[in-house]
Amino acid sequence: MTTFAPDTRFALDTRKVGTNGLAGSLRRWQKFLGDRSAPVYEPATMADLRVRFQQVRVDDALIHTHEGFSAVRAGKPSGVDGAVSLILVNRGSATVGTHDIPAGSYLVRRLDRPVSFTNGPCTAGMSLTLPGAAVAPLLGDRVVHGPADSAEMRLLTGYADLLRRTAPDLSPAGARAAREALAELTAGVVRGAADSTDPLTAPALVEAAKNLAESHLTDAGLGPATLAAALHVSVRTLQRAFAGTGESVTSYIRRRRLDRAHRDLTDPAAHLTVSEIAARWQFSDGAHLSRAFRQRYGTTPTDVRPM
C-alpha cells in the first residue's frame, strides 16, 4: 500500500529557488511523494530547469498542474503497479515513451513500466495519477488518446480544478469519495462517455457547466438546453446536478449576468448607459435590469454609478 507524507499540497517554481536551492527543493518534493519516485531529470535539463508546478493529493491520487519555460527531458526509474496516469497538454507538446501528445489532447496509460518523457519549451498542462482499479481494466495494454475538448474531458478537468481548490479542506472520508469520483470520471474518459447521472460526478458536471456559461454570458441563447447539449447530457441531468447546489441553472446564469452588469456600472472607464449594459448582459431593457438589480442588491443601477 502506498504511503504518503501528511501534506496535501506541494508547489515549486524553480525560477525562484535558483541553481543552489534546486537540489533541496527536489528532495522536499520526493519527501512529499513518499514512496512514489520523482522524475530523474537529464543533466542538460537540470542545467536550465525553469518550471512551475503544483501537486495536490486527494487520498491516494495526485493532481499535478505544470507550466514549463524550458524544455524538459526526464525518466521515471520505476513503475507503479496498478496505477494509471492521464496527461493533458493545454499548450506546447509532450512525448511519453513513443507517444506524442500535442496541445489540445490527452493520453491515458498504465504506470507499471518505467518510461521517459519530454516536454517542449513553453509546455503547460495537467496530469493525474490514480489507483488503477476503476481504469486499468478498461485500458488493458492500450494507451488511449483523445481531444481535450470532449465532453468527458471537460467534466474531468472541471472537477480536477474544483479539487485543487478544496482538497486541503476535505476530511479523510471526503477525500476518499472525491478520489473515487475522480477515478470514475477518468474511466468515463476512457470509455468515451461519463455516467453523468452518478451522484459522484454531479459536482464535476456543475463545474463544467459553470465554466462553459462564464464564457457565453453575453449570448442570447445561453440557457439550460444549450449547456446540456454542449456537455452531452440531458437538461434533466444538468438540472438535477445543480439542485445539489441550491440554485437552478437559470438562476446561476441570471446571477452571474447581474454580477457582470454591476461590474460595468461601477467601472468609471466603461462609459456605457444603463440600457447598453442591459443589452450587453441579455436583459430586455433598462427597466428589466433595474428591477432585477434592485432585487439582488437592494439599490438601483443609477445609485451605484460613480459620480
C-alpha atoms as a PDB file:
ATOM      1  CA  MET A   1       0.000   0.000   0.000  1.00  0.00           C
ATOM      2  CA  THR A   2       1.374   3.413  -0.949  1.00  0.00           C
ATOM      3  CA  THR A   3       2.103   5.722   1.983  1.00  0.00           C
ATOM      4  CA  PHE A   4       2.369   9.481   1.895  1.00  0.00           C
ATOM      5  CA  ALA A   5       3.653  12.374   3.928  1.00  0.00           C
ATOM      6  CA  PRO A   6       0.815  14.245   5.693  1.00  0.00           C
ATOM      7  CA  ASP A   7       0.997  17.363   3.481  1.00  0.00           C
ATOM      8  CA  THR A   8      -1.771  17.764   0.902  1.00  0.00           C
ATOM      9  CA  ARG A   9      -0.193  20.347  -1.394  1.00  0.00           C
ATOM     10  CA  PHE A  10       3.299  20.910  -2.820  1.00  0.00           C
ATOM     11  CA  ALA A  11       4.328  23.756  -5.131  1.00  0.00           C
ATOM     12  CA  LEU A  12       7.657  24.615  -6.752  1.00  0.00           C
ATOM     13  CA  ASP A  13       8.853  27.362  -9.074  1.00  0.00           C
ATOM     14  CA  THR A  14      12.447  26.536  -9.979  1.00  0.00           C
ATOM     15  CA  ARG A  15      12.998  30.075 -11.284  1.00  0.00           C
ATOM     16  CA  LYS A  16      12.661  31.362  -7.726  1.00  0.00           C
ATOM     17  CA  VAL A  17      14.895  28.873  -5.930  1.00  0.00           C
ATOM     18  CA  GLY A  18      17.868  29.184  -8.309  1.00  0.00           C
ATOM     19  CA  THR A  19      20.549  26.601  -9.012  1.00  0.00           C
ATOM     20  CA  ASN A  20      21.777  26.483  -5.427  1.00  0.00           C
ATOM     21  CA  GLY A  21      18.361  25.752  -3.956  1.00  0.00           C
ATOM     22  CA  LEU A  22      17.154  23.337  -6.614  1.00  0.00           C
ATOM     23  CA  ALA A  23      18.577  20.147  -5.136  1.00  0.00           C
ATOM     24  CA  GLY A  24      16.967  20.858  -1.761  1.00  0.00           C
ATOM     25  CA  SER A  25      13.632  21.659  -3.371  1.00  0.00           C
ATOM     26  CA  LEU A  26      13.680  18.400  -5.312  1.00  0.00           C
ATOM     27  CA  ARG A  27      14.428  16.498  -2.104  1.00  0.00           C
ATOM     28  CA  ARG A  28      11.397  18.127  -0.444  1.00  0.00           C
ATOM     29  CA  TRP A  29       9.318  17.115  -3.467  1.00  0.00           C
ATOM     30  CA  GLN A  30      10.484  13.494  -3.095  1.00  0.00           C
ATOM     31  CA  LYS A  31       9.517  13.604   0.588  1.00  0.00           C
ATOM     32  CA  PHE A  32       6.062  14.842  -0.389  1.00  0.00           C
ATOM     33  CA  LEU A  33       5.703  11.974  -2.898  1.00  0.00           C
ATOM     34  CA  GLY A  34       6.617   9.354  -0.299  1.00  0.00           C
ATOM     35  CA  ASP A  35       7.373   6.012  -1.914  1.00  0.00           C
ATOM     36  CA  ARG A  36       6.484   7.242  -5.399  1.00  0.00           C
ATOM     37  CA  SER A  37       9.639   8.349  -7.140  1.00  0.00           C
ATOM     38  CA  ALA A  38      10.079  11.816  -8.586  1.00  0.00           C
ATOM     39  CA  PRO A  39      11.270  12.112 -12.205  1.00  0.00           C
ATOM     40  CA  VAL A  40      15.019  11.909 -12.821  1.00  0.00           C
ATOM     41  CA  TYR A  41      15.956  14.900 -14.987  1.00  0.00           C
ATOM     42  CA  GLU A  42      18.700  14.622 -17.585  1.00  0.00           C
ATOM     43  CA  PRO A  43      21.838  16.740 -16.935  1.00  0.00           C
ATOM     44  CA  ALA A  44      21.070  19.183 -19.765  1.00  0.00           C
ATOM     45  CA  THR A  45      17.612  19.737 -18.293  1.00  0.00           C
ATOM     46  CA  MET A  46      18.982  20.287 -14.787  1.00  0.00           C
ATOM     47  CA  ALA A  47      21.382  22.913 -16.118  1.00  0.00           C
ATOM     48  CA  ASP A  48      18.436  25.096 -17.175  1.00  0.00           C
ATOM     49  CA  LEU A  49      15.352  23.811 -15.375  1.00  0.00           C
ATOM     50  CA  ARG A  50      12.674  26.508 -15.462  1.00  0.00           C
ATOM     51  CA  VAL A  51       9.313  25.038 -14.475  1.00  0.00           C
ATOM     52  CA  ARG A  52       6.449  25.933 -12.182  1.00  0.00           C
ATOM     53  CA  PHE A  53       4.135  23.249 -10.855  1.00  0.00           C
ATOM     54  CA  GLN A  54       1.730  22.370  -8.090  1.00  0.00           C
ATOM     55  CA  GLN A  55       0.665  18.955  -6.841  1.00  0.00           C
ATOM     56  CA  VAL A  56      -2.410  18.286  -4.737  1.00  0.00           C
ATOM     57  CA  ARG A  57      -3.061  14.962  -3.029  1.00  0.00           C
ATOM     58  CA  VAL A  58      -6.613  13.609  -2.921  1.00  0.00           C
ATOM     59  CA  ASP A  59      -6.442  10.462  -0.801  1.00  0.00           C
ATOM     60  CA  ASP A  60      -4.039   8.271  -2.851  1.00  0.00           C
ATOM     61  CA  ALA A  61      -4.442  10.255  -6.091  1.00  0.00           C
ATOM     62  CA  LEU A  62      -2.331  13.192  -7.275  1.00  0.00           C
ATOM     63  CA  ILE A  63      -3.371  16.198  -9.369  1.00  0.00           C
ATOM     64  CA  HIS A  64      -0.371  17.880 -10.998  1.00  0.00           C
ATOM     65  CA  THR A  65      -0.527  21.190 -12.881  1.00  0.00           C
ATOM     66  CA  HIS A  66       2.567  22.216 -14.796  1.00  0.00           C
ATOM     67  CA  GLU A  67       3.900  25.207 -16.706  1.00  0.00           C
ATOM     68  CA  GLY A  68       7.335  24.927 -18.320  1.00  0.00           C
ATOM     69  CA  PHE A  69       9.598  27.687 -19.575  1.00  0.00           C
ATOM     70  CA  SER A  70      12.399  25.405 -20.761  1.00  0.00           C
ATOM     71  CA  ALA A  71      12.483  22.028 -22.458  1.00  0.00           C
ATOM     72  CA  VAL A  72      12.421  19.044 -20.088  1.00  0.00           C
ATOM     73  CA  ARG A  73      13.752  15.535 -20.603  1.00  0.00           C
ATOM     74  CA  ALA A  74      13.406  13.065 -17.770  1.00  0.00           C
ATOM     75  CA  GLY A  75      12.622   9.477 -16.907  1.00  0.00           C
ATOM     76  CA  LYS A  76      10.797   7.546 -14.227  1.00  0.00           C
ATOM     77  CA  PRO A  77      13.211   4.983 -12.801  1.00  0.00           C
ATOM     78  CA  SER A  78      10.487   2.582 -11.727  1.00  0.00           C
ATOM     79  CA  GLY A  79       6.878   1.792 -12.475  1.00  0.00           C
ATOM     80  CA  VAL A  80       3.918   1.992 -10.083  1.00  0.00           C
ATOM     81  CA  ASP A  81       1.978  -1.272 -10.114  1.00  0.00           C
ATOM     82  CA  GLY A  82      -1.744  -0.825 -10.600  1.00  0.00           C
ATOM     83  CA  ALA A  83      -1.617   2.953 -11.108  1.00  0.00           C
ATOM     84  CA  VAL A  84      -2.831   4.941 -14.107  1.00  0.00           C
ATOM     85  CA  SER A  85      -1.756   8.330 -15.431  1.00  0.00           C
ATOM     86  CA  LEU A  86      -3.719  10.827 -17.509  1.00  0.00           C
ATOM     87  CA  ILE A  87      -1.687  13.620 -19.124  1.00  0.00           C
ATOM     88  CA  LEU A  88      -3.405  16.652 -20.625  1.00  0.00           C
ATOM     89  CA  VAL A  89      -1.427  19.176 -22.709  1.00  0.00           C
ATOM     90  CA  ASN A  90      -3.035  22.597 -22.995  1.00  0.00           C
ATOM     91  CA  ARG A  91      -0.063  24.379 -24.588  1.00  0.00           C
ATOM     92  CA  GLY A  92       3.137  23.201 -26.252  1.00  0.00           C
ATOM     93  CA  SER A  93       3.762  19.481 -26.686  1.00  0.00           C
ATOM     94  CA  ALA A  94       4.896  16.413 -24.775  1.00  0.00           C
ATOM     95  CA  THR A  95       6.149  12.918 -25.567  1.00  0.00           C
ATOM     96  CA  VAL A  96       5.752   9.954 -23.224  1.00  0.00           C
ATOM     97  CA  GLY A  97       7.742   6.958 -24.336  1.00  0.00           C
ATOM     98  CA  THR A  98       6.948   6.716 -28.047  1.00  0.00           C
ATOM     99  CA  HIS A  99       3.632   8.587 -27.813  1.00  0.00           C
ATOM    100  CA  ASP A 100       3.323  12.254 -28.780  1.00  0.00           C
ATOM    101  CA  ILE A 101       0.758  14.476 -27.022  1.00  0.00           C
ATOM    102  CA  PRO A 102       0.161  17.703 -28.960  1.00  0.00           C
ATOM    103  CA  ALA A 103      -1.555  20.744 -27.490  1.00  0.00           C
ATOM    104  CA  GLY A 104      -5.285  20.235 -27.021  1.00  0.00           C
ATOM    105  CA  SER A 105      -5.095  16.496 -26.415  1.00  0.00           C
ATOM    106  CA  TYR A 106      -4.646  13.922 -23.653  1.00  0.00           C
ATOM    107  CA  LEU A 107      -3.143  10.476 -23.125  1.00  0.00           C
ATOM    108  CA  VAL A 108      -4.063   7.786 -20.574  1.00  0.00           C
ATOM    109  CA  ARG A 109      -1.609   4.998 -19.769  1.00  0.00           C
ATOM    110  CA  ARG A 110      -0.727   2.475 -17.089  1.00  0.00           C
ATOM    111  CA  LEU A 111       2.235   3.248 -14.853  1.00  0.00           C
ATOM    112  CA  ASP A 112       3.549  -0.251 -14.264  1.00  0.00           C
ATOM    113  CA  ARG A 113       6.561   0.272 -16.567  1.00  0.00           C
ATOM    114  CA  PRO A 114       9.395   2.823 -16.394  1.00  0.00           C
ATOM    115  CA  VAL A 115       9.175   5.452 -19.109  1.00  0.00           C
ATOM    116  CA  SER A 116      10.973   8.542 -20.354  1.00  0.00           C
ATOM    117  CA  PHE A 117       9.185  11.772 -21.185  1.00  0.00           C
ATOM    118  CA  THR A 118       9.920  15.056 -22.906  1.00  0.00           C
ATOM    119  CA  ASN A 119       8.154  18.391 -22.614  1.00  0.00           C
ATOM    120  CA  GLY A 120       8.825  21.017 -25.243  1.00  0.00           C
ATOM    121  CA  PRO A 121       9.616  24.572 -24.145  1.00  0.00           C
ATOM    122  CA  CYS A 122       6.574  26.602 -23.043  1.00  0.00           C
ATOM    123  CA  THR A 123       4.500  23.475 -22.358  1.00  0.00           C
ATOM    124  CA  ALA A 124       1.633  23.662 -19.871  1.00  0.00           C
ATOM    125  CA  GLY A 125      -0.983  21.180 -18.780  1.00  0.00           C
ATOM    126  CA  MET A 126      -2.237  18.844 -16.102  1.00  0.00           C
ATOM    127  CA  SER A 127      -1.697  15.229 -15.140  1.00  0.00           C
ATOM    128  CA  LEU A 128      -3.479  12.839 -12.817  1.00  0.00           C
ATOM    129  CA  THR A 129      -2.011   9.816 -11.076  1.00  0.00           C
ATOM    130  CA  LEU A 130      -4.695   7.419  -9.887  1.00  0.00           C
ATOM    131  CA  PRO A 131      -5.005   3.953  -8.397  1.00  0.00           C
ATOM    132  CA  GLY A 132      -5.958   1.799 -11.326  1.00  0.00           C
ATOM    133  CA  ALA A 133      -8.882  -0.256 -10.016  1.00  0.00           C
ATOM    134  CA  ALA A 134     -11.516   1.730 -11.933  1.00  0.00           C
ATOM    135  CA  VAL A 135      -9.439   2.487 -15.027  1.00  0.00           C
ATOM    136  CA  ALA A 136      -6.744  -0.157 -15.617  1.00  0.00           C
ATOM    137  CA  PRO A 137      -9.198  -2.928 -16.593  1.00  0.00           C
ATOM    138  CA  LEU A 138     -10.631  -0.622 -19.276  1.00  0.00           C
ATOM    139  CA  LEU A 139      -7.168   0.170 -20.634  1.00  0.00           C
ATOM    140  CA  GLY A 140      -5.729  -3.315 -20.762  1.00  0.00           C
ATOM    141  CA  ASP A 141      -2.420  -2.874 -22.592  1.00  0.00           C
ATOM    142  CA  ARG A 142      -3.655   0.128 -24.586  1.00  0.00           C
ATOM    143  CA  VAL A 143      -2.617   3.767 -24.465  1.00  0.00           C
ATOM    144  CA  VAL A 144      -5.686   5.938 -25.055  1.00  0.00           C
ATOM    145  CA  HIS A 145      -5.520   9.332 -26.812  1.00  0.00           C
ATOM    146  CA  GLY A 146      -8.236  11.933 -27.325  1.00  0.00           C
ATOM    147  CA  PRO A 147      -9.127  15.615 -27.659  1.00  0.00           C
ATOM    148  CA  ALA A 148      -9.074  17.919 -24.650  1.00  0.00           C
ATOM    149  CA  ASP A 149     -12.409  19.486 -25.576  1.00  0.00           C
ATOM    150  CA  SER A 150     -14.505  16.310 -25.420  1.00  0.00           C
ATOM    151  CA  ALA A 151     -17.450  16.423 -23.028  1.00  0.00           C
ATOM    152  CA  GLU A 152     -15.850  13.746 -20.832  1.00  0.00           C
ATOM    153  CA  MET A 153     -12.589  15.672 -20.542  1.00  0.00           C
ATOM    154  CA  ARG A 154     -14.453  18.878 -19.714  1.00  0.00           C
ATOM    155  CA  LEU A 155     -16.164  17.080 -16.852  1.00  0.00           C
ATOM    156  CA  LEU A 156     -12.872  15.681 -15.627  1.00  0.00           C
ATOM    157  CA  THR A 157     -10.876  18.916 -15.828  1.00  0.00           C
ATOM    158  CA  GLY A 158     -13.709  20.883 -14.231  1.00  0.00           C
ATOM    159  CA  TYR A 159     -13.756  18.500 -11.293  1.00  0.00           C
ATOM    160  CA  ALA A 160      -9.950  18.437 -11.029  1.00  0.00           C
ATOM    161  CA  ASP A 161      -9.940  22.256 -10.875  1.00  0.00           C
ATOM    162  CA  LEU A 162     -12.536  22.110  -8.109  1.00  0.00           C
ATOM    163  CA  LEU A 163     -10.483  19.589  -6.134  1.00  0.00           C
ATOM    164  CA  ARG A 164      -7.300  21.650  -6.479  1.00  0.00           C
ATOM    165  CA  ARG A 165      -9.050  24.388  -4.521  1.00  0.00           C
ATOM    166  CA  THR A 166     -10.909  22.262  -1.985  1.00  0.00           C
ATOM    167  CA  ALA A 167      -8.810  19.115  -1.375  1.00  0.00           C
ATOM    168  CA  PRO A 168      -6.839  20.574   1.569  1.00  0.00           C
ATOM    169  CA  ASP A 169     -10.134  21.159   3.415  1.00  0.00           C
ATOM    170  CA  LEU A 170     -11.576  17.679   2.872  1.00  0.00           C
ATOM    171  CA  SER A 171     -11.943  15.159   5.671  1.00  0.00           C
ATOM    172  CA  PRO A 172     -10.366  11.722   5.076  1.00  0.00           C
ATOM    173  CA  ALA A 173     -13.803  10.341   4.144  1.00  0.00           C
ATOM    174  CA  GLY A 174     -14.417  13.279   1.815  1.00  0.00           C
ATOM    175  CA  ALA A 175     -11.028  12.809   0.170  1.00  0.00           C
ATOM    176  CA  ARG A 176     -11.757   9.126  -0.466  1.00  0.00           C
ATOM    177  CA  ALA A 177     -15.127   9.970  -2.039  1.00  0.00           C
ATOM    178  CA  ALA A 178     -13.523  12.704  -4.151  1.00  0.00           C
ATOM    179  CA  ARG A 179     -10.821  10.315  -5.356  1.00  0.00           C
ATOM    180  CA  GLU A 180     -13.465   7.752  -6.320  1.00  0.00           C
ATOM    181  CA  ALA A 181     -15.277  10.405  -8.371  1.00  0.00           C
ATOM    182  CA  LEU A 182     -12.002  11.455  -9.995  1.00  0.00           C
ATOM    183  CA  ALA A 183     -11.245   7.845 -10.928  1.00  0.00           C
ATOM    184  CA  GLU A 184     -14.768   7.295 -12.293  1.00  0.00           C
ATOM    185  CA  LEU A 185     -14.543  10.419 -14.434  1.00  0.00           C
ATOM    186  CA  THR A 186     -11.204   9.221 -15.794  1.00  0.00           C
ATOM    187  CA  ALA A 187     -12.827   5.874 -16.555  1.00  0.00           C
ATOM    188  CA  GLY A 188     -15.540   7.848 -18.350  1.00  0.00           C
ATOM    189  CA  VAL A 189     -12.870   9.496 -20.499  1.00  0.00           C
ATOM    190  CA  VAL A 190     -11.509   6.077 -21.410  1.00  0.00           C
ATOM    191  CA  ARG A 191     -14.960   4.691 -22.157  1.00  0.00           C
ATOM    192  CA  GLY A 192     -15.805   7.798 -24.163  1.00  0.00           C
ATOM    193  CA  ALA A 193     -18.929   8.559 -22.137  1.00  0.00           C
ATOM    194  CA  ALA A 194     -19.090   9.500 -18.469  1.00  0.00           C
ATOM    195  CA  ASP A 195     -22.083   8.434 -16.425  1.00  0.00           C
ATOM    196  CA  SER A 196     -23.281  11.941 -15.580  1.00  0.00           C
ATOM    197  CA  THR A 197     -26.234  10.663 -13.539  1.00  0.00           C
ATOM    198  CA  ASP A 198     -23.879   9.269 -10.888  1.00  0.00           C
ATOM    199  CA  PRO A 199     -24.039  11.473  -7.756  1.00  0.00           C
ATOM    200  CA  LEU A 200     -20.248  11.295  -7.519  1.00  0.00           C
ATOM    201  CA  THR A 201     -19.934  13.124 -10.843  1.00  0.00           C
ATOM    202  CA  ALA A 202     -22.564  15.814 -10.176  1.00  0.00           C
ATOM    203  CA  PRO A 203     -20.039  18.356  -8.809  1.00  0.00           C
ATOM    204  CA  ALA A 204     -17.900  17.888 -11.916  1.00  0.00           C
ATOM    205  CA  LEU A 205     -20.906  18.424 -14.179  1.00  0.00           C
ATOM    206  CA  VAL A 206     -21.846  21.606 -12.310  1.00  0.00           C
ATOM    207  CA  GLU A 207     -18.276  22.923 -12.507  1.00  0.00           C
ATOM    208  CA  ALA A 208     -18.046  22.186 -16.224  1.00  0.00           C
ATOM    209  CA  ALA A 209     -21.400  23.891 -16.868  1.00  0.00           C
ATOM    210  CA  LYS A 210     -20.365  26.956 -14.879  1.00  0.00           C
ATOM    211  CA  ASN A 211     -17.058  27.227 -16.720  1.00  0.00           C
ATOM    212  CA  LEU A 212     -18.870  26.999 -20.038  1.00  0.00           C
ATOM    213  CA  ALA A 213     -21.553  29.502 -19.023  1.00  0.00           C
ATOM    214  CA  GLU A 214     -18.946  32.059 -17.921  1.00  0.00           C
ATOM    215  CA  SER A 215     -17.611  32.353 -21.464  1.00  0.00           C
ATOM    216  CA  HIS A 216     -21.097  32.722 -23.008  1.00  0.00           C
ATOM    217  CA  LEU A 217     -22.910  35.121 -20.664  1.00  0.00           C
ATOM    218  CA  THR A 218     -23.412  37.653 -23.451  1.00  0.00           C
ATOM    219  CA  ASP A 219     -25.051  35.039 -25.706  1.00  0.00           C
ATOM    220  CA  ALA A 220     -28.812  35.479 -26.048  1.00  0.00           C
ATOM    221  CA  GLY A 221     -29.343  31.722 -26.398  1.00  0.00           C
ATOM    222  CA  LEU A 222     -27.489  30.698 -23.236  1.00  0.00           C
ATOM    223  CA  GLY A 223     -29.632  28.502 -21.023  1.00  0.00           C
ATOM    224  CA  PRO A 224     -30.037  25.002 -19.579  1.00  0.00           C
ATOM    225  CA  ALA A 225     -30.697  23.447 -23.005  1.00  0.00           C
ATOM    226  CA  THR A 226     -27.599  24.896 -24.683  1.00  0.00           C
ATOM    227  CA  LEU A 227     -25.342  23.978 -21.752  1.00  0.00           C
ATOM    228  CA  ALA A 228     -26.738  20.440 -21.566  1.00  0.00           C
ATOM    229  CA  ALA A 229     -26.258  19.969 -25.313  1.00  0.00           C
ATOM    230  CA  ALA A 230     -22.665  21.206 -25.167  1.00  0.00           C
ATOM    231  CA  LEU A 231     -21.900  18.790 -22.306  1.00  0.00           C
ATOM    232  CA  HIS A 232     -23.706  15.854 -23.945  1.00  0.00           C
ATOM    233  CA  VAL A 233     -26.172  15.351 -21.082  1.00  0.00           C
ATOM    234  CA  SER A 234     -29.919  15.799 -20.794  1.00  0.00           C
ATOM    235  CA  VAL A 235     -31.425  19.008 -19.407  1.00  0.00           C
ATOM    236  CA  ARG A 236     -32.904  16.953 -16.583  1.00  0.00           C
ATOM    237  CA  THR A 237     -29.471  15.562 -15.674  1.00  0.00           C
ATOM    238  CA  LEU A 238     -27.972  19.050 -15.617  1.00  0.00           C
ATOM    239  CA  GLN A 239     -30.807  20.458 -13.522  1.00  0.00           C
ATOM    240  CA  ARG A 240     -30.560  17.535 -11.092  1.00  0.00           C
ATOM    241  CA  ALA A 241     -26.821  18.190 -10.666  1.00  0.00           C
ATOM    242  CA  PHE A 242     -27.455  21.896  -9.964  1.00  0.00           C
ATOM    243  CA  ALA A 243     -30.195  21.032  -7.451  1.00  0.00           C
ATOM    244  CA  GLY A 244     -27.473  19.932  -5.059  1.00  0.00           C
ATOM    245  CA  THR A 245     -26.068  23.492  -5.073  1.00  0.00           C
ATOM    246  CA  GLY A 246     -29.379  25.044  -4.026  1.00  0.00           C
ATOM    247  CA  GLU A 247     -29.502  27.107  -7.237  1.00  0.00           C
ATOM    248  CA  SER A 248     -31.040  26.334 -10.624  1.00  0.00           C
ATOM    249  CA  VAL A 249     -29.134  26.646 -13.883  1.00  0.00           C
ATOM    250  CA  THR A 250     -31.260  29.641 -14.904  1.00  0.00           C
ATOM    251  CA  SER A 251     -30.728  31.352 -11.536  1.00  0.00           C
ATOM    252  CA  TYR A 252     -26.991  30.860 -11.800  1.00  0.00           C
ATOM    253  CA  ILE A 253     -26.865  32.444 -15.258  1.00  0.00           C
ATOM    254  CA  ARG A 254     -29.035  35.364 -14.115  1.00  0.00           C
ATOM    255  CA  ARG A 255     -26.869  35.928 -11.016  1.00  0.00           C
ATOM    256  CA  ARG A 256     -23.646  35.931 -12.991  1.00  0.00           C
ATOM    257  CA  ARG A 257     -25.098  38.334 -15.577  1.00  0.00           C
ATOM    258  CA  LEU A 258     -26.120  40.685 -12.764  1.00  0.00           C
ATOM    259  CA  ASP A 259     -22.598  40.430 -11.329  1.00  0.00           C
ATOM    260  CA  ARG A 260     -21.149  41.451 -14.687  1.00  0.00           C
ATOM    261  CA  ALA A 261     -23.664  44.286 -15.047  1.00  0.00           C
ATOM    262  CA  HIS A 262     -22.725  45.530 -11.571  1.00  0.00           C
ATOM    263  CA  ARG A 263     -19.054  45.489 -12.583  1.00  0.00           C
ATOM    264  CA  ASP A 264     -19.796  47.542 -15.701  1.00  0.00           C
ATOM    265  CA  LEU A 265     -21.922  50.003 -13.764  1.00  0.00           C
ATOM    266  CA  THR A 266     -19.202  50.644 -11.190  1.00  0.00           C
ATOM    267  CA  ASP A 267     -16.378  50.848 -13.718  1.00  0.00           C
ATOM    268  CA  PRO A 268     -15.628  54.561 -14.362  1.00  0.00           C
ATOM    269  CA  ALA A 269     -13.898  53.632 -17.621  1.00  0.00           C
ATOM    270  CA  ALA A 270     -16.855  51.700 -19.057  1.00  0.00           C
ATOM    271  CA  HIS A 271     -18.833  54.745 -20.366  1.00  0.00           C
ATOM    272  CA  LEU A 272     -21.909  52.609 -21.042  1.00  0.00           C
ATOM    273  CA  THR A 273     -25.506  53.634 -20.424  1.00  0.00           C
ATOM    274  CA  VAL A 274     -27.817  51.505 -18.294  1.00  0.00           C
ATOM    275  CA  SER A 275     -29.673  50.462 -21.460  1.00  0.00           C
ATOM    276  CA  GLU A 276     -26.409  49.440 -23.160  1.00  0.00           C
ATOM    277  CA  ILE A 277     -25.345  47.395 -20.144  1.00  0.00           C
ATOM    278  CA  ALA A 278     -28.798  45.770 -20.033  1.00  0.00           C
ATOM    279  CA  ALA A 279     -28.496  44.758 -23.688  1.00  0.00           C
ATOM    280  CA  ARG A 280     -24.943  43.502 -23.236  1.00  0.00           C
ATOM    281  CA  TRP A 281     -25.950  41.127 -20.429  1.00  0.00           C
ATOM    282  CA  GLN A 282     -29.205  39.986 -22.056  1.00  0.00           C
ATOM    283  CA  PHE A 283     -31.784  41.959 -20.062  1.00  0.00           C
ATOM    284  CA  SER A 284     -34.688  43.066 -22.260  1.00  0.00           C
ATOM    285  CA  ASP A 285     -34.262  46.750 -21.383  1.00  0.00           C
ATOM    286  CA  GLY A 286     -33.023  49.136 -18.706  1.00  0.00           C
ATOM    287  CA  ALA A 287     -36.202  48.769 -16.656  1.00  0.00           C
ATOM    288  CA  HIS A 288     -35.830  44.983 -16.599  1.00  0.00           C
ATOM    289  CA  LEU A 289     -32.222  45.321 -15.423  1.00  0.00           C
ATOM    290  CA  SER A 290     -33.234  47.872 -12.781  1.00  0.00           C
ATOM    291  CA  ARG A 291     -35.886  45.563 -11.291  1.00  0.00           C
ATOM    292  CA  ALA A 292     -33.520  42.585 -11.172  1.00  0.00           C
ATOM    293  CA  PHE A 293     -30.700  44.762  -9.860  1.00  0.00           C
ATOM    294  CA  ARG A 294     -32.808  46.171  -7.010  1.00  0.00           C
ATOM    295  CA  GLN A 295     -33.980  42.686  -6.060  1.00  0.00           C
ATOM    296  CA  ARG A 296     -30.398  41.425  -5.907  1.00  0.00           C
ATOM    297  CA  TYR A 297     -28.515  44.405  -4.471  1.00  0.00           C
ATOM    298  CA  GLY A 298     -31.243  46.475  -2.782  1.00  0.00           C
ATOM    299  CA  THR A 299     -30.400  49.526  -4.862  1.00  0.00           C
ATOM    300  CA  THR A 300     -30.722  50.789  -8.423  1.00  0.00           C
ATOM    301  CA  PRO A 301     -28.156  50.798 -11.248  1.00  0.00           C
ATOM    302  CA  THR A 302     -28.132  54.600 -11.173  1.00  0.00           C
ATOM    303  CA  ASP A 303     -27.303  54.669  -7.450  1.00  0.00           C
ATOM    304  CA  VAL A 304     -24.113  52.611  -7.846  1.00  0.00           C
ATOM    305  CA  ARG A 305     -22.681  54.598 -10.766  1.00  0.00           C
ATOM    306  CA  PRO A 306     -19.519  56.586  -9.923  1.00  0.00           C
ATOM    307  CA  MET A 307     -20.079  60.311  -9.538  1.00  0.00           C
END
